Amino acid sequence: MEQENERLSLNTLARILTLYFNSEKGTKITPSALELITQYIRIYTKEAVCRSYEEKRRSSITMSDEDDIVLELEDLENGIAAQLALDFS
């Protein structure tokens, strides 16, 4: 696993999850489950960026190959998010 290049560490994810699953209800998460959730989020994020890029590239016919494609939040929201959520559910 790419420990040096991680943007979302296991500790960060564990803290986020504790906001939604507190110990008062007896919910616990094992280290292996935390690792699996981290991998899932990483794959989901990469897929979202790739799909957004491809969609923007296809819709930007007037751009030459040398032009940089810059993704905006709207690129993810318009058409990609719904299909991605269905594919990963």
Foldseek 3Di string as FASTA:
>chain_A
DPPPPDPQDLVNQVVVVCVVPPCVVPDDDDPVRSVVVSVVVVVLVVVLVVVLVVVQVVVPPVDDPPDDDDDDPVSSVPPPVVVSVVVVD
